[in-house]
Amino acid sequence: MEVTESRPQCGVLTISDGCYHGTREDTGGPLLIRLAADIGLALHRHSVVPDEQRIISAALEELASAPAVRVILTTGGTGLAARDVTPEATLAVVDRTVPGMAEAMRSASLAKTPFAMLSRQVVGVRGHTLIINFPGSPRAVEECFAVVAPVLPHAIQLLSGHTAHS
């Protein structure tokens, strides 16, 4: 699905072997689409890819190259399982990391469950696009999105070149 509008756009990437092969329902991707729309982001594209680092990195690069895409939201592949390679795929394509956002998500999650210590999500910037890794659990997606949502509009402004010094 591809949409173009004048609002800032986001890409949503579901990373899951099960969803890709149709053996599991994608609940995280549609949830991220709804949450992004709630803060005024238009959907550019939603894709489902398998847990393959090369494929994930290529999908991130393609979405980040779209001129209107300011944010890419991923769900899945941030745990400790052998095929959880979303953080590595993201780190391979970002120009710089935004550790405070990832730390804030983990910190908020840790207040709810000790398993948050096992989450390896990262946040980074490629060109003009912010890439945010979310866990695969819909509940964790919702909790983590609530943490970063207040700063997303400002981050988008900065990445669009609208700074106090411009």
Protein backbone atom coordinates (compact mmCIF):
# COMPACT_ATOMS: atom_id res chain seq x y z
CA MET A 1 0.00 0.00 0.00
CA GLU A 2 1.42 3.41 -0.96
CA VAL A 3 -0.05 6.81 -0.13
CA THR A 4 1.20 10.31 -0.90
CA GLU A 5 -0.07 13.36 0.95
CA SER A 6 1.23 16.75 2.03
CA ARG A 7 1.61 15.63 5.66
CA PRO A 8 4.96 14.16 6.76
CA GLN A 9 5.05 10.54 5.76
CA CYS A 10 6.14 7.39 7.50
CA GLY A 11 7.09 3.94 6.40
CA VAL A 12 6.11 0.94 8.48
CA LEU A 13 8.10 -2.26 8.31
CA THR A 14 6.93 -5.48 9.95
CA ILE A 15 9.87 -7.82 10.41
CA SER A 16 8.75 -11.38 11.02
CA ASP A 17 9.32 -14.71 9.29
CA GLY A 18 5.85 -15.84 10.39
CA CYS A 19 4.06 -12.76 9.06
CA TYR A 20 6.06 -12.83 5.85
CA HIS A 21 5.18 -16.48 5.21
CA GLY A 22 1.54 -16.01 6.27
CA THR A 23 1.66 -18.27 9.31
CA ARG A 24 1.21 -15.42 11.79
CA GLU A 25 -1.06 -12.38 11.70
CA ASP A 26 0.66 -9.00 11.49
CA THR A 27 -0.73 -7.01 14.41
CA GLY A 28 2.25 -4.73 15.07
CA GLY A 29 2.36 -3.11 11.63
CA PRO A 30 -1.31 -2.08 11.53
CA LEU A 31 -1.01 -0.82 15.10
CA LEU A 32 1.98 1.37 14.17
CA ILE A 33 0.06 2.71 11.16
CA ARG A 34 -2.83 3.73 13.43
CA LEU A 35 -0.56 5.26 16.07
CA ALA A 36 1.35 7.22 13.43
CA ALA A 37 -1.89 8.51 11.91
CA ASP A 38 -3.03 9.61 15.37
CA ILE A 39 -0.06 12.03 15.53
CA GLY A 40 -0.53 13.28 11.97
CA LEU A 41 1.79 11.09 9.92
CA ALA A 42 0.57 9.87 6.54
CA LEU A 43 1.43 6.33 5.53
CA HIS A 44 3.85 6.11 2.61
CA ARG A 45 4.12 2.33 2.60
CA HIS A 46 3.75 -0.70 4.86
CA SER A 47 5.82 -3.76 4.04
CA VAL A 48 6.34 -7.14 5.65
CA VAL A 49 9.80 -8.69 5.36
CA PRO A 50 11.45 -11.82 6.77
CA ASP A 51 14.07 -11.80 9.50
CA GLU A 52 16.97 -11.45 7.05
CA GLN A 53 19.46 -8.67 7.73
CA ARG A 54 20.17 -7.93 4.05
CA ILE A 55 16.46 -7.71 3.19
CA ILE A 56 15.68 -5.53 6.22
CA SER A 57 18.54 -3.14 5.43
CA ALA A 58 17.46 -2.89 1.78
CA ALA A 59 13.86 -2.13 2.80
CA LEU A 60 15.03 0.56 5.23
CA GLU A 61 17.27 2.14 2.57
CA GLU A 62 14.44 2.17 0.03
CA LEU A 63 11.97 3.78 2.42
CA ALA A 64 14.54 6.34 3.62
CA SER A 65 15.24 7.36 0.03
CA ALA A 66 11.64 8.51 -0.50
CA PRO A 67 11.73 12.34 -0.28
CA ALA A 68 8.63 12.76 1.91
CA VAL A 69 9.38 9.93 4.36
CA ARG A 70 10.60 11.40 7.63
CA VAL A 71 10.06 8.41 9.92
CA ILE A 72 10.36 4.65 9.52
CA LEU A 73 8.75 2.55 12.23
CA THR A 74 9.76 -1.10 12.47
CA THR A 75 8.21 -3.83 14.57
CA GLY A 76 9.80 -7.15 15.38
CA GLY A 77 13.23 -8.72 15.45
CA THR A 78 14.63 -6.84 18.46
CA GLY A 79 15.01 -9.72 20.91
CA LEU A 80 17.69 -12.31 21.57
CA ALA A 81 16.59 -15.08 19.21
CA ALA A 82 19.15 -16.03 16.58
CA ARG A 83 16.99 -14.56 13.77
CA ASP A 84 16.34 -11.26 15.60
CA VAL A 85 18.59 -9.05 13.45
CA THR A 86 16.59 -5.83 13.16
CA PRO A 87 19.05 -3.79 15.27
CA GLU A 88 22.01 -4.96 13.19
CA ALA A 89 20.17 -4.22 9.94
CA THR A 90 19.26 -0.76 11.22
CA LEU A 91 22.76 0.03 12.45
CA ALA A 92 24.11 -0.96 9.03
CA VAL A 93 22.10 1.80 7.31
CA VAL A 94 21.94 4.72 9.76
CA ASP A 95 24.34 7.65 9.61
CA ARG A 96 24.05 8.28 13.35
CA THR A 97 22.20 6.85 16.30
CA VAL A 98 19.73 8.50 18.68
CA PRO A 99 20.40 6.50 21.84
CA GLY A 100 18.22 8.63 24.11
CA MET A 101 15.04 7.52 22.35
CA ALA A 102 15.93 3.81 22.57
CA GLU A 103 16.98 4.23 26.20
CA ALA A 104 13.72 6.02 27.04
CA MET A 105 11.65 3.23 25.49
CA ARG A 106 13.57 0.54 27.37
CA SER A 107 13.38 2.50 30.62
CA ALA A 108 9.61 2.92 30.38
CA SER A 109 9.20 -0.75 29.47
CA LEU A 110 11.45 -1.81 32.35
CA ALA A 111 9.02 -0.16 34.77
CA LYS A 112 6.43 -2.67 33.53
CA THR A 113 8.47 -5.84 32.96
CA PRO A 114 12.01 -7.06 33.64
CA PHE A 115 12.03 -8.61 30.16
CA ALA A 116 12.60 -5.11 28.75
CA MET A 117 16.27 -5.65 29.57
CA LEU A 118 16.37 -8.14 26.71
CA SER A 119 15.14 -5.65 24.11
CA ARG A 120 17.78 -4.45 21.68
CA GLN A 121 15.81 -1.83 19.70
CA VAL A 122 17.80 1.05 18.27
CA VAL A 123 16.92 4.45 16.87
CA GLY A 124 18.94 6.24 14.23
CA VAL A 125 18.92 8.71 11.38
CA ARG A 126 19.59 8.02 7.72
CA GLY A 127 19.70 11.23 5.75
CA HIS A 128 16.47 13.06 6.59
CA THR A 129 14.69 10.01 8.02
CA LEU A 130 14.38 8.83 11.62
CA ILE A 131 14.30 5.03 11.97
CA ILE A 132 12.77 3.62 15.16
CA ASN A 133 12.80 -0.07 16.08
CA PHE A 134 9.86 -1.25 18.15
CA PRO A 135 9.44 -4.69 19.72
CA GLY A 136 7.16 -7.25 18.10
CA SER A 137 4.57 -7.41 20.87
CA PRO A 138 1.58 -5.13 20.19
CA ARG A 139 1.41 -4.17 23.86
CA ALA A 140 5.11 -3.23 23.85
CA VAL A 141 4.64 -1.32 20.58
CA GLU A 142 1.87 0.74 22.14
CA GLU A 143 3.84 1.41 25.33
CA CYS A 144 7.03 2.36 23.48
CA PHE A 145 5.22 4.53 20.94
CA ALA A 146 3.67 6.52 23.79
CA VAL A 147 7.20 7.26 25.01
CA VAL A 148 8.53 8.65 21.71
CA ALA A 149 5.35 10.25 20.33
CA PRO A 150 5.82 13.57 22.20
CA VAL A 151 9.20 14.21 20.53
CA LEU A 152 8.41 12.93 17.02
CA PRO A 153 6.98 16.23 15.67
CA HIS A 154 10.09 18.13 16.81
CA ALA A 155 12.41 15.44 15.43
CA ILE A 156 10.60 15.63 12.08
CA GLN A 157 10.98 19.42 12.03
CA LEU A 158 14.69 19.14 12.72
CA LEU A 159 15.20 16.46 10.07
CA SER A 160 13.25 18.62 7.60
CA GLY A 161 15.74 21.44 8.14
CA HIS A 162 13.54 23.59 10.35
CA THR A 163 15.86 24.47 13.20
CA ALA A 164 15.98 27.51 15.45
CA HIS A 165 19.25 28.43 13.73
CA SER A 166 17.95 28.25 10.15
